[in-house]
Amino acid sequence: MSDHALWQNRLYVVTASATVLFFLIIGIVSYFLQKKNPKWIGIWASIKSWVITSPILFIFVALPSPWPLIFIVMIAISGAKTFFRMTGMYHRSWFVWLTYVFIIIQGYSIYMGHDRFFNIMPMIFLACTAVIPILRNSYTQMIQFIALSLINFIIVGWGFMHLGRIMLWDGGPLIVLYLGILFEFCEATNYAITRSFGHTKPINNISTKFSLEGFFGSMFLTILLAWGLRHMLPDRSEIYWLSAALIVSIIGRLGGLTLSVIRRDLNIKETGIFIIGRDDILSRIDKPMFAAPVFYFVYLIIQGIISI
């Protein structure tokens, strides 16, 4: 990734300005609609949050290296902290701090280009967590603590941190922004379609926000947006933007539903507010936690860098 600030890139400036303007216009429309129709209240809450925070996110991503990577590490640590609070492990300090340290090490390995070390980090993390019961001379609930810590590290510290790996590619910051826009657009359109037309809900015990109408409708619209924003990708070939849209729509949705399973099992909805009026941080990064590593390796396979 270049050491120069991304705001010197004309393509970035145009994209960032257009995106913020889009959120502003949609925010104004949804503000008036939610006063007339309660179904728009959730959409207004979502758009309101992004009207406020999208400029901040664009600024952080545009900073010179390594600040965007540091920003991703901070988000990952915050997500891991939320997961520990959600599962009641926040006061198990040995496991908590070990996870934080390993996320920081993941960020450092990305910055230094130690790809092989990054890939085997989950196994090293598992070995280190297995040592904790021995050092503490305790066995009570340790299997549960080890398992939850490993799940936390894999999906947040390893899965989400693939965005940092993508950042280091040629044109990587724009790719991350591209994926981020697709993630949020897919989520917003799924929510809107489900609230308005979603009658087929095959897994309503897991999520009432998922419907087949919303899933396929948001996928179609996300594919259209991926095509419309394909100029943000280093290669505008069909296979790149189409694979990105499908990964965001399918794998990203799987990530959201997986977190819903965990929340339902724990009998909790959320653990705080990340963005004004919009759930906690895990609700905002549950899609890239699962989709980012898939996109990373699919992209490398398409380029012929790695083979199946």
C-alpha atoms as a PDB file:
ATOM      1  CA  MET A   1       0.000   0.000   0.000  1.00  0.00           C
ATOM      2  CA  SER A   2       1.295   3.413  -0.876  1.00  0.00           C
ATOM      3  CA  ASP A   3       2.581   5.689   1.873  1.00  0.00           C
ATOM      4  CA  HIS A   4       0.774   8.595   0.217  1.00  0.00           C
ATOM      5  CA  ALA A   5      -2.620   9.691   1.474  1.00  0.00           C
ATOM      6  CA  LEU A   6      -5.471   8.274  -0.575  1.00  0.00           C
ATOM      7  CA  TRP A   7      -7.195  11.651  -0.804  1.00  0.00           C
ATOM      8  CA  GLN A   8      -4.607  12.527  -3.463  1.00  0.00           C
ATOM      9  CA  ASN A   9      -6.324   9.939  -5.670  1.00  0.00           C
ATOM     10  CA  ARG A  10      -8.988  11.621  -7.838  1.00  0.00           C
ATOM     11  CA  LEU A  11     -10.987   8.379  -8.110  1.00  0.00           C
ATOM     12  CA  TYR A  12     -11.167   8.157  -4.325  1.00  0.00           C
ATOM     13  CA  VAL A  13     -12.265  11.790  -3.949  1.00  0.00           C
ATOM     14  CA  VAL A  14     -15.046  11.372  -6.512  1.00  0.00           C
ATOM     15  CA  THR A  15     -16.219   8.069  -4.980  1.00  0.00           C
ATOM     16  CA  ALA A  16     -16.125   9.356  -1.394  1.00  0.00           C
ATOM     17  CA  SER A  17     -17.974  12.555  -2.296  1.00  0.00           C
ATOM     18  CA  ALA A  18     -20.630  10.688  -4.274  1.00  0.00           C
ATOM     19  CA  THR A  19     -21.147   8.139  -1.488  1.00  0.00           C
ATOM     20  CA  VAL A  20     -21.503  10.757   1.258  1.00  0.00           C
ATOM     21  CA  LEU A  21     -23.871  12.765  -0.959  1.00  0.00           C
ATOM     22  CA  PHE A  22     -25.896   9.598  -1.617  1.00  0.00           C
ATOM     23  CA  PHE A  23     -26.269   8.897   2.122  1.00  0.00           C
ATOM     24  CA  LEU A  24     -27.241  12.528   2.685  1.00  0.00           C
ATOM     25  CA  ILE A  25     -29.976  12.486   0.022  1.00  0.00           C
ATOM     26  CA  ILE A  26     -31.339   9.092   1.115  1.00  0.00           C
ATOM     27  CA  GLY A  27     -31.154  10.285   4.729  1.00  0.00           C
ATOM     28  CA  ILE A  28     -33.323  13.310   3.969  1.00  0.00           C
ATOM     29  CA  VAL A  29     -35.863  11.172   2.099  1.00  0.00           C
ATOM     30  CA  SER A  30     -36.002   8.481   4.798  1.00  0.00           C
ATOM     31  CA  TYR A  31     -36.342  11.128   7.526  1.00  0.00           C
ATOM     32  CA  PHE A  32     -39.613  12.371   6.083  1.00  0.00           C
ATOM     33  CA  LEU A  33     -40.863   8.896   5.130  1.00  0.00           C
ATOM     34  CA  GLN A  34     -40.320   7.466   8.622  1.00  0.00           C
ATOM     35  CA  LYS A  35     -42.651  10.101  10.010  1.00  0.00           C
ATOM     36  CA  LYS A  36     -45.423   8.776   7.770  1.00  0.00           C
ATOM     37  CA  ASN A  37     -44.603   5.052   7.763  1.00  0.00           C
ATOM     38  CA  PRO A  38     -43.182   3.165  10.800  1.00  0.00           C
ATOM     39  CA  LYS A  39     -41.526   0.664   8.440  1.00  0.00           C
ATOM     40  CA  TRP A  40     -39.003   3.353   7.545  1.00  0.00           C
ATOM     41  CA  ILE A  41     -37.895   3.981  11.128  1.00  0.00           C
ATOM     42  CA  GLY A  42     -35.215   1.257  11.004  1.00  0.00           C
ATOM     43  CA  ILE A  43     -33.998   2.440   7.616  1.00  0.00           C
ATOM     44  CA  TRP A  44     -33.828   6.026   8.896  1.00  0.00           C
ATOM     45  CA  ALA A  45     -31.793   4.872  11.908  1.00  0.00           C
ATOM     46  CA  SER A  46     -29.354   3.103   9.601  1.00  0.00           C
ATOM     47  CA  ILE A  47     -28.987   5.948   7.124  1.00  0.00           C
ATOM     48  CA  LYS A  48     -28.703   8.522   9.925  1.00  0.00           C
ATOM     49  CA  SER A  49     -25.769   6.649  11.392  1.00  0.00           C
ATOM     50  CA  TRP A  50     -23.938   6.502   8.078  1.00  0.00           C
ATOM     51  CA  VAL A  51     -24.580  10.159   7.271  1.00  0.00           C
ATOM     52  CA  ILE A  52     -22.617  10.939  10.438  1.00  0.00           C
ATOM     53  CA  THR A  53     -19.936   8.267  10.321  1.00  0.00           C
ATOM     54  CA  SER A  54     -19.218   7.684   6.616  1.00  0.00           C
ATOM     55  CA  PRO A  55     -17.087  10.871   6.315  1.00  0.00           C
ATOM     56  CA  ILE A  56     -15.068   9.714   9.344  1.00  0.00           C
ATOM     57  CA  LEU A  57     -14.520   6.266   7.852  1.00  0.00           C
ATOM     58  CA  PHE A  58     -13.481   7.737   4.517  1.00  0.00           C
ATOM     59  CA  ILE A  59     -10.961   9.985   6.271  1.00  0.00           C
ATOM     60  CA  PHE A  60      -9.381   7.089   8.182  1.00  0.00           C
ATOM     61  CA  VAL A  61      -9.083   4.903   5.094  1.00  0.00           C
ATOM     62  CA  ALA A  62      -7.494   7.782   3.184  1.00  0.00           C
ATOM     63  CA  LEU A  63      -4.689   8.315   5.700  1.00  0.00           C
ATOM     64  CA  PRO A  64      -1.129   7.287   4.715  1.00  0.00           C
ATOM     65  CA  SER A  65       0.060   3.802   5.617  1.00  0.00           C
ATOM     66  CA  PRO A  66       0.021   2.277   8.223  1.00  0.00           C
ATOM     67  CA  TRP A  67      -2.910   4.260   9.710  1.00  0.00           C
ATOM     68  CA  PRO A  68      -5.691   2.500   7.757  1.00  0.00           C
ATOM     69  CA  LEU A  69      -4.311  -0.848   8.956  1.00  0.00           C
ATOM     70  CA  ILE A  70      -4.145   0.449  12.537  1.00  0.00           C
ATOM     71  CA  PHE A  71      -7.775   1.531  12.176  1.00  0.00           C
ATOM     72  CA  ILE A  72      -8.751  -2.002  11.116  1.00  0.00           C
ATOM     73  CA  VAL A  73      -6.850  -3.464  14.087  1.00  0.00           C
ATOM     74  CA  MET A  74      -8.723  -1.126  16.443  1.00  0.00           C
ATOM     75  CA  ILE A  75     -12.069  -2.198  14.981  1.00  0.00           C
ATOM     76  CA  ALA A  76     -11.071  -5.874  15.310  1.00  0.00           C
ATOM     77  CA  ILE A  77     -10.117  -5.414  18.974  1.00  0.00           C
ATOM     78  CA  SER A  78     -13.393  -3.603  19.629  1.00  0.00           C
ATOM     79  CA  GLY A  79     -15.284  -6.447  17.937  1.00  0.00           C
ATOM     80  CA  ALA A  80     -13.419  -9.054  20.003  1.00  0.00           C
ATOM     81  CA  LYS A  81     -14.219  -7.083  23.156  1.00  0.00           C
ATOM     82  CA  THR A  82     -17.910  -7.046  22.244  1.00  0.00           C
ATOM     83  CA  PHE A  83     -17.849 -10.802  21.615  1.00  0.00           C
ATOM     84  CA  PHE A  84     -16.327 -11.435  25.041  1.00  0.00           C
ATOM     85  CA  ARG A  85     -18.959  -9.246  26.677  1.00  0.00           C
ATOM     86  CA  MET A  86     -21.694 -11.016  24.754  1.00  0.00           C
ATOM     87  CA  THR A  87     -20.516 -14.455  25.875  1.00  0.00           C
ATOM     88  CA  GLY A  88     -19.846 -13.421  29.474  1.00  0.00           C
ATOM     89  CA  MET A  89     -16.075 -13.853  29.159  1.00  0.00           C
ATOM     90  CA  TYR A  90     -15.028 -10.236  29.434  1.00  0.00           C
ATOM     91  CA  HIS A  91     -13.655 -10.733  32.960  1.00  0.00           C
ATOM     92  CA  ARG A  92     -11.575 -13.780  31.948  1.00  0.00           C
ATOM     93  CA  SER A  93      -8.624 -11.461  31.531  1.00  0.00           C
ATOM     94  CA  TRP A  94      -6.060 -14.091  30.493  1.00  0.00           C
ATOM     95  CA  PHE A  95      -8.100 -15.095  27.458  1.00  0.00           C
ATOM     96  CA  VAL A  96      -9.191 -11.526  26.698  1.00  0.00           C
ATOM     97  CA  TRP A  97      -5.734  -9.994  26.697  1.00  0.00           C
ATOM     98  CA  LEU A  98      -4.237 -12.929  24.809  1.00  0.00           C
ATOM     99  CA  THR A  99      -6.806 -12.336  22.051  1.00  0.00           C
ATOM    100  CA  TYR A 100      -6.032  -8.606  21.920  1.00  0.00           C
ATOM    101  CA  VAL A 101      -2.292  -9.280  21.702  1.00  0.00           C
ATOM    102  CA  PHE A 102      -2.740 -11.799  18.903  1.00  0.00           C
ATOM    103  CA  ILE A 103      -4.915  -9.378  16.910  1.00  0.00           C
ATOM    104  CA  ILE A 104      -2.150  -6.782  17.200  1.00  0.00           C
ATOM    105  CA  ILE A 105       0.382  -9.406  16.079  1.00  0.00           C
ATOM    106  CA  GLN A 106      -1.896 -10.190  13.133  1.00  0.00           C
ATOM    107  CA  GLY A 107      -1.832  -6.520  12.154  1.00  0.00           C
ATOM    108  CA  TYR A 108       1.952  -6.399  12.453  1.00  0.00           C
ATOM    109  CA  SER A 109       2.358  -9.564  10.359  1.00  0.00           C
ATOM    110  CA  ILE A 110       0.170  -8.001   7.648  1.00  0.00           C
ATOM    111  CA  TYR A 111       2.245  -4.827   7.674  1.00  0.00           C
ATOM    112  CA  MET A 112       5.497  -6.799   7.441  1.00  0.00           C
ATOM    113  CA  GLY A 113       4.144  -9.090   4.734  1.00  0.00           C
ATOM    114  CA  HIS A 114       4.461 -12.321   6.740  1.00  0.00           C
ATOM    115  CA  ASP A 115       1.627 -14.120   4.952  1.00  0.00           C
ATOM    116  CA  ARG A 116       2.504 -17.649   6.032  1.00  0.00           C
ATOM    117  CA  PHE A 117       2.748 -16.606   9.659  1.00  0.00           C
ATOM    118  CA  PHE A 118      -0.644 -14.891   9.380  1.00  0.00           C
ATOM    119  CA  ASN A 119      -2.238 -18.061   7.988  1.00  0.00           C
ATOM    120  CA  ILE A 120      -1.054 -20.313  10.827  1.00  0.00           C
ATOM    121  CA  MET A 121      -1.854 -17.862  13.612  1.00  0.00           C
ATOM    122  CA  PRO A 122      -5.137 -19.596  14.599  1.00  0.00           C
ATOM    123  CA  MET A 123      -3.205 -22.773  15.420  1.00  0.00           C
ATOM    124  CA  ILE A 124      -0.624 -20.826  17.427  1.00  0.00           C
ATOM    125  CA  PHE A 125      -3.425 -19.030  19.240  1.00  0.00           C
ATOM    126  CA  LEU A 126      -5.086 -22.348  20.101  1.00  0.00           C
ATOM    127  CA  ALA A 127      -1.813 -23.672  21.502  1.00  0.00           C
ATOM    128  CA  CYS A 128      -1.388 -20.573  23.669  1.00  0.00           C
ATOM    129  CA  THR A 129      -4.953 -20.700  25.020  1.00  0.00           C
ATOM    130  CA  ALA A 130      -4.427 -24.371  25.903  1.00  0.00           C
ATOM    131  CA  VAL A 131      -1.535 -23.328  28.142  1.00  0.00           C
ATOM    132  CA  ILE A 132      -3.664 -20.940  30.214  1.00  0.00           C
ATOM    133  CA  PRO A 133      -5.455 -23.667  32.265  1.00  0.00           C
ATOM    134  CA  ILE A 134      -2.067 -25.212  33.066  1.00  0.00           C
ATOM    135  CA  LEU A 135      -0.592 -21.901  34.196  1.00  0.00           C
ATOM    136  CA  ARG A 136      -3.664 -21.192  36.308  1.00  0.00           C
ATOM    137  CA  ASN A 137      -3.853 -24.754  37.631  1.00  0.00           C
ATOM    138  CA  SER A 138      -7.550 -24.818  36.852  1.00  0.00           C
ATOM    139  CA  TYR A 139      -9.852 -26.929  34.709  1.00  0.00           C
ATOM    140  CA  THR A 140     -13.330 -25.541  35.511  1.00  0.00           C
ATOM    141  CA  GLN A 141     -15.088 -24.405  32.294  1.00  0.00           C
ATOM    142  CA  MET A 142     -11.721 -24.192  30.532  1.00  0.00           C
ATOM    143  CA  ILE A 143     -12.907 -26.083  27.455  1.00  0.00           C
ATOM    144  CA  GLN A 144     -15.699 -23.544  27.074  1.00  0.00           C
ATOM    145  CA  PHE A 145     -13.317 -20.599  27.535  1.00  0.00           C
ATOM    146  CA  ILE A 146     -10.802 -22.004  25.055  1.00  0.00           C
ATOM    147  CA  ALA A 147     -13.501 -22.735  22.464  1.00  0.00           C
ATOM    148  CA  LEU A 148     -15.129 -19.303  22.716  1.00  0.00           C
ATOM    149  CA  SER A 149     -11.757 -17.545  22.590  1.00  0.00           C
ATOM    150  CA  LEU A 150     -10.794 -19.518  19.480  1.00  0.00           C
ATOM    151  CA  ILE A 151     -14.103 -18.735  17.763  1.00  0.00           C
ATOM    152  CA  ASN A 152     -13.645 -15.073  18.629  1.00  0.00           C
ATOM    153  CA  PHE A 153     -10.105 -14.944  17.289  1.00  0.00           C
ATOM    154  CA  ILE A 154     -10.861 -16.847  14.074  1.00  0.00           C
ATOM    155  CA  ILE A 155     -13.862 -14.782  12.977  1.00  0.00           C
ATOM    156  CA  VAL A 156     -12.689 -11.390  14.276  1.00  0.00           C
ATOM    157  CA  GLY A 157      -8.908 -11.552  14.596  1.00  0.00           C
ATOM    158  CA  TRP A 158      -8.325 -13.713  11.527  1.00  0.00           C
ATOM    159  CA  GLY A 159     -11.410 -13.347   9.324  1.00  0.00           C
ATOM    160  CA  PHE A 160     -12.038  -9.617   9.637  1.00  0.00           C
ATOM    161  CA  MET A 161      -8.309  -8.816   9.507  1.00  0.00           C
ATOM    162  CA  HIS A 162      -8.222 -10.043   5.904  1.00  0.00           C
ATOM    163  CA  LEU A 163      -9.431  -6.553   5.054  1.00  0.00           C
ATOM    164  CA  GLY A 164      -5.996  -5.432   6.208  1.00  0.00           C
ATOM    165  CA  ARG A 165      -4.361  -7.904   3.810  1.00  0.00           C
ATOM    166  CA  ILE A 166      -6.513  -6.595   0.963  1.00  0.00           C
ATOM    167  CA  MET A 167      -5.439  -3.060   1.916  1.00  0.00           C
ATOM    168  CA  LEU A 168      -1.859  -3.897   0.931  1.00  0.00           C
ATOM    169  CA  TRP A 169      -2.766  -4.845  -2.631  1.00  0.00           C
ATOM    170  CA  ASP A 170      -2.302  -2.474  -5.524  1.00  0.00           C
ATOM    171  CA  GLY A 171      -5.448  -0.374  -5.278  1.00  0.00           C
ATOM    172  CA  GLY A 172      -6.302  -2.169  -2.035  1.00  0.00           C
ATOM    173  CA  PRO A 173      -7.822   0.801  -0.135  1.00  0.00           C
ATOM    174  CA  LEU A 174     -10.297   1.371  -2.954  1.00  0.00           C
ATOM    175  CA  ILE A 175     -11.144  -2.347  -2.995  1.00  0.00           C
ATOM    176  CA  VAL A 176     -11.871  -2.231   0.757  1.00  0.00           C
ATOM    177  CA  LEU A 177     -14.094   0.819   0.252  1.00  0.00           C
ATOM    178  CA  TYR A 178     -15.790  -0.977  -2.641  1.00  0.00           C
ATOM    179  CA  LEU A 179     -16.540  -3.982  -0.451  1.00  0.00           C
ATOM    180  CA  GLY A 180     -17.656  -1.778   2.434  1.00  0.00           C
ATOM    181  CA  ILE A 181     -20.187   0.030   0.242  1.00  0.00           C
ATOM    182  CA  LEU A 182     -21.488  -3.295  -1.092  1.00  0.00           C
ATOM    183  CA  PHE A 183     -21.813  -4.744   2.435  1.00  0.00           C
ATOM    184  CA  GLU A 184     -23.843  -1.840   3.743  1.00  0.00           C
ATOM    185  CA  PHE A 185     -25.952  -1.517   0.598  1.00  0.00           C
ATOM    186  CA  CYS A 186     -26.745  -5.243   0.622  1.00  0.00           C
ATOM    187  CA  GLU A 187     -27.739  -5.078   4.291  1.00  0.00           C
ATOM    188  CA  ALA A 188     -29.883  -1.965   3.854  1.00  0.00           C
ATOM    189  CA  THR A 189     -31.732  -3.277   0.783  1.00  0.00           C
ATOM    190  CA  ASN A 190     -32.290  -6.669   2.427  1.00  0.00           C
ATOM    191  CA  TYR A 191     -33.787  -4.925   5.450  1.00  0.00           C
ATOM    192  CA  ALA A 192     -35.989  -2.645   3.348  1.00  0.00           C
ATOM    193  CA  ILE A 193     -37.284  -5.430   1.084  1.00  0.00           C
ATOM    194  CA  THR A 194     -37.899  -7.783   4.010  1.00  0.00           C
ATOM    195  CA  ARG A 195     -39.841  -5.142   5.926  1.00  0.00           C
ATOM    196  CA  SER A 196     -41.954  -4.256   2.892  1.00  0.00           C
ATOM    197  CA  PHE A 197     -42.347  -7.521   0.978  1.00  0.00           C
ATOM    198  CA  GLY A 198     -40.725 -10.251   3.063  1.00  0.00           C
ATOM    199  CA  HIS A 199     -43.303 -12.974   3.607  1.00  0.00           C
ATOM    200  CA  THR A 200     -41.162 -16.099   3.180  1.00  0.00           C
ATOM    201  CA  LYS A 201     -39.040 -16.471   6.319  1.00  0.00           C
ATOM    202  CA  PRO A 202     -37.753 -20.077   6.448  1.00  0.00           C
ATOM    203  CA  ILE A 203     -35.416 -19.467   9.413  1.00  0.00           C
ATOM    204  CA  ASN A 204     -37.467 -17.048  11.494  1.00  0.00           C
ATOM    205  CA  ASN A 205     -36.331 -18.791  14.694  1.00  0.00           C
ATOM    206  CA  ILE A 206     -32.830 -17.515  13.925  1.00  0.00           C
ATOM    207  CA  SER A 207     -33.566 -14.164  12.308  1.00  0.00           C
ATOM    208  CA  THR A 208     -36.794 -12.324  11.574  1.00  0.00           C
ATOM    209  CA  LYS A 209     -34.810  -9.938   9.351  1.00  0.00           C
ATOM    210  CA  PHE A 210     -34.095 -12.677   6.799  1.00  0.00           C
ATOM    211  CA  SER A 211     -36.540 -13.496   4.018  1.00  0.00           C
ATOM    212  CA  LEU A 212     -36.109 -15.109   0.631  1.00  0.00           C
ATOM    213  CA  GLU A 213     -37.548 -11.985  -0.991  1.00  0.00           C
ATOM    214  CA  GLY A 214     -35.033  -9.798   0.816  1.00  0.00           C
ATOM    215  CA  PHE A 215     -32.135 -12.170   0.151  1.00  0.00           C
ATOM    216  CA  PHE A 216     -32.634 -12.485  -3.607  1.00  0.00           C
ATOM    217  CA  GLY A 217     -33.787  -8.895  -4.032  1.00  0.00           C
ATOM    218  CA  SER A 218     -30.766  -7.473  -2.228  1.00  0.00           C
ATOM    219  CA  MET A 219     -28.476  -9.821  -4.159  1.00  0.00           C
ATOM    220  CA  PHE A 220     -29.842  -8.555  -7.476  1.00  0.00           C
ATOM    221  CA  LEU A 221     -29.487  -4.908  -6.444  1.00  0.00           C
ATOM    222  CA  THR A 222     -25.992  -5.527  -5.029  1.00  0.00           C
ATOM    223  CA  ILE A 223     -24.910  -7.065  -8.337  1.00  0.00           C
ATOM    224  CA  LEU A 224     -26.148  -3.946 -10.125  1.00  0.00           C
ATOM    225  CA  LEU A 225     -24.259  -1.689  -7.704  1.00  0.00           C
ATOM    226  CA  ALA A 226     -21.110  -3.821  -8.022  1.00  0.00           C
ATOM    227  CA  TRP A 227     -21.294  -3.317 -11.782  1.00  0.00           C
ATOM    228  CA  GLY A 228     -21.900   0.409 -11.399  1.00  0.00           C
ATOM    229  CA  LEU A 229     -18.895   0.848  -9.067  1.00  0.00           C
ATOM    230  CA  ARG A 230     -16.552  -1.539 -10.917  1.00  0.00           C
ATOM    231  CA  HIS A 231     -14.280   1.408 -11.732  1.00  0.00           C
ATOM    232  CA  MET A 232     -13.026   1.137  -8.140  1.00  0.00           C
ATOM    233  CA  LEU A 233     -11.438  -2.237  -8.889  1.00  0.00           C
ATOM    234  CA  PRO A 234      -7.973  -2.543 -10.462  1.00  0.00           C
ATOM    235  CA  ASP A 235      -9.533  -4.901 -13.022  1.00  0.00           C
ATOM    236  CA  ARG A 236     -13.052  -4.143 -14.268  1.00  0.00           C
ATOM    237  CA  SER A 237     -13.555  -7.581 -15.825  1.00  0.00           C
ATOM    238  CA  GLU A 238     -16.892  -9.218 -15.151  1.00  0.00           C
ATOM    239  CA  ILE A 239     -15.460 -12.011 -13.016  1.00  0.00           C
ATOM    240  CA  TYR A 240     -14.074  -9.550 -10.454  1.00  0.00           C
ATOM    241  CA  TRP A 241     -17.124  -7.388  -9.751  1.00  0.00           C
ATOM    242  CA  LEU A 242     -19.567 -10.276 -10.066  1.00  0.00           C
ATOM    243  CA  SER A 243     -17.629 -12.491  -7.655  1.00  0.00           C
ATOM    244  CA  ALA A 244     -17.425  -9.577  -5.201  1.00  0.00           C
ATOM    245  CA  ALA A 245     -21.203  -9.060  -5.327  1.00  0.00           C
ATOM    246  CA  LEU A 246     -21.957 -12.766  -4.860  1.00  0.00           C
ATOM    247  CA  ILE A 247     -19.495 -13.149  -1.981  1.00  0.00           C
ATOM    248  CA  VAL A 248     -20.929 -10.086  -0.231  1.00  0.00           C
ATOM    249  CA  SER A 249     -24.521 -11.245  -0.775  1.00  0.00           C
ATOM    250  CA  ILE A 250     -24.117 -14.941   0.058  1.00  0.00           C
ATOM    251  CA  ILE A 251     -21.120 -15.330   2.376  1.00  0.00           C
ATOM    252  CA  GLY A 252     -21.800 -11.987   4.045  1.00  0.00           C
ATOM    253  CA  ARG A 253     -25.369 -13.050   4.743  1.00  0.00           C
ATOM    254  CA  LEU A 254     -24.084 -16.347   6.171  1.00  0.00           C
ATOM    255  CA  GLY A 255     -21.884 -14.351   8.546  1.00  0.00           C
ATOM    256  CA  GLY A 256     -24.813 -12.287   9.750  1.00  0.00           C
ATOM    257  CA  LEU A 257     -26.947 -15.376  10.312  1.00  0.00           C
ATOM    258  CA  THR A 258     -24.129 -17.151  12.167  1.00  0.00           C
ATOM    259  CA  LEU A 259     -23.883 -14.245  14.611  1.00  0.00           C
ATOM    260  CA  SER A 260     -27.671 -14.381  14.950  1.00  0.00           C
ATOM    261  CA  VAL A 261     -27.404 -18.050  15.964  1.00  0.00           C
ATOM    262  CA  ILE A 262     -24.888 -17.123  18.655  1.00  0.00           C
ATOM    263  CA  ARG A 263     -27.015 -14.238  19.914  1.00  0.00           C
ATOM    264  CA  ARG A 264     -30.171 -16.358  19.973  1.00  0.00           C
ATOM    265  CA  ASP A 265     -28.395 -19.116  21.850  1.00  0.00           C
ATOM    266  CA  LEU A 266     -27.169 -16.567  24.401  1.00  0.00           C
ATOM    267  CA  ASN A 267     -30.637 -14.958  24.494  1.00  0.00           C
ATOM    268  CA  ILE A 268     -29.323 -11.470  23.798  1.00  0.00           C
ATOM    269  CA  LYS A 269     -29.928  -9.017  20.964  1.00  0.00           C
ATOM    270  CA  GLU A 270     -27.015  -6.612  21.158  1.00  0.00           C
ATOM    271  CA  THR A 271     -24.376  -5.396  23.567  1.00  0.00           C
ATOM    272  CA  GLY A 272     -24.318  -1.683  22.924  1.00  0.00           C
ATOM    273  CA  ILE A 273     -24.352   0.868  20.124  1.00  0.00           C
ATOM    274  CA  PHE A 274     -21.480   1.190  17.681  1.00  0.00           C
ATOM    275  CA  ILE A 275     -22.925   3.844  15.410  1.00  0.00           C
ATOM    276  CA  ILE A 276     -25.684   6.237  16.400  1.00  0.00           C
ATOM    277  CA  GLY A 277     -28.942   4.320  16.126  1.00  0.00           C
ATOM    278  CA  ARG A 278     -27.381   1.132  14.724  1.00  0.00           C
ATOM    279  CA  ASP A 279     -26.768  -1.942  16.906  1.00  0.00           C
ATOM    280  CA  ASP A 280     -23.309  -2.921  18.229  1.00  0.00           C
ATOM    281  CA  ILE A 281     -20.036  -3.266  16.366  1.00  0.00           C
ATOM    282  CA  LEU A 282     -20.439  -7.001  15.703  1.00  0.00           C
ATOM    283  CA  SER A 283     -23.609  -6.235  13.772  1.00  0.00           C
ATOM    284  CA  ARG A 284     -21.548  -3.976  11.534  1.00  0.00           C
ATOM    285  CA  ILE A 285     -18.617  -6.324  10.894  1.00  0.00           C
ATOM    286  CA  ASP A 286     -20.341  -9.727  10.926  1.00  0.00           C
ATOM    287  CA  LYS A 287     -20.512  -9.773   7.110  1.00  0.00           C
ATOM    288  CA  PRO A 288     -16.843  -8.957   6.349  1.00  0.00           C
ATOM    289  CA  MET A 289     -15.694 -11.319   9.126  1.00  0.00           C
ATOM    290  CA  PHE A 290     -16.842 -14.193   6.934  1.00  0.00           C
ATOM    291  CA  ALA A 291     -16.730 -12.679   3.445  1.00  0.00           C
ATOM    292  CA  ALA A 292     -13.322 -10.935   3.556  1.00  0.00           C
ATOM    293  CA  PRO A 293     -11.179 -14.111   3.684  1.00  0.00           C
ATOM    294  CA  VAL A 294     -13.312 -15.714   0.963  1.00  0.00           C
ATOM    295  CA  PHE A 295     -12.917 -12.663  -1.272  1.00  0.00           C
ATOM    296  CA  TYR A 296      -9.181 -12.556  -0.519  1.00  0.00           C
ATOM    297  CA  PHE A 297      -8.527 -16.107  -1.683  1.00  0.00           C
ATOM    298  CA  VAL A 298     -11.025 -16.015  -4.586  1.00  0.00           C
ATOM    299  CA  TYR A 299      -9.308 -12.864  -5.854  1.00  0.00           C
ATOM    300  CA  LEU A 300      -5.915 -14.558  -5.703  1.00  0.00           C
ATOM    301  CA  ILE A 301      -7.294 -17.643  -7.473  1.00  0.00           C
ATOM    302  CA  ILE A 302      -8.782 -15.492 -10.247  1.00  0.00           C
ATOM    303  CA  GLN A 303      -5.432 -13.763 -10.714  1.00  0.00           C
ATOM    304  CA  GLY A 304      -3.663 -17.105 -10.851  1.00  0.00           C
ATOM    305  CA  ILE A 305      -1.467 -16.297  -7.844  1.00  0.00           C
ATOM    306  CA  ILE A 306      -2.632 -19.430  -6.047  1.00  0.00           C
ATOM    307  CA  SER A 307      -4.285 -22.563  -7.429  1.00  0.00           C
ATOM    308  CA  ILE A 308      -7.046 -24.735  -6.080  1.00  0.00           C
END
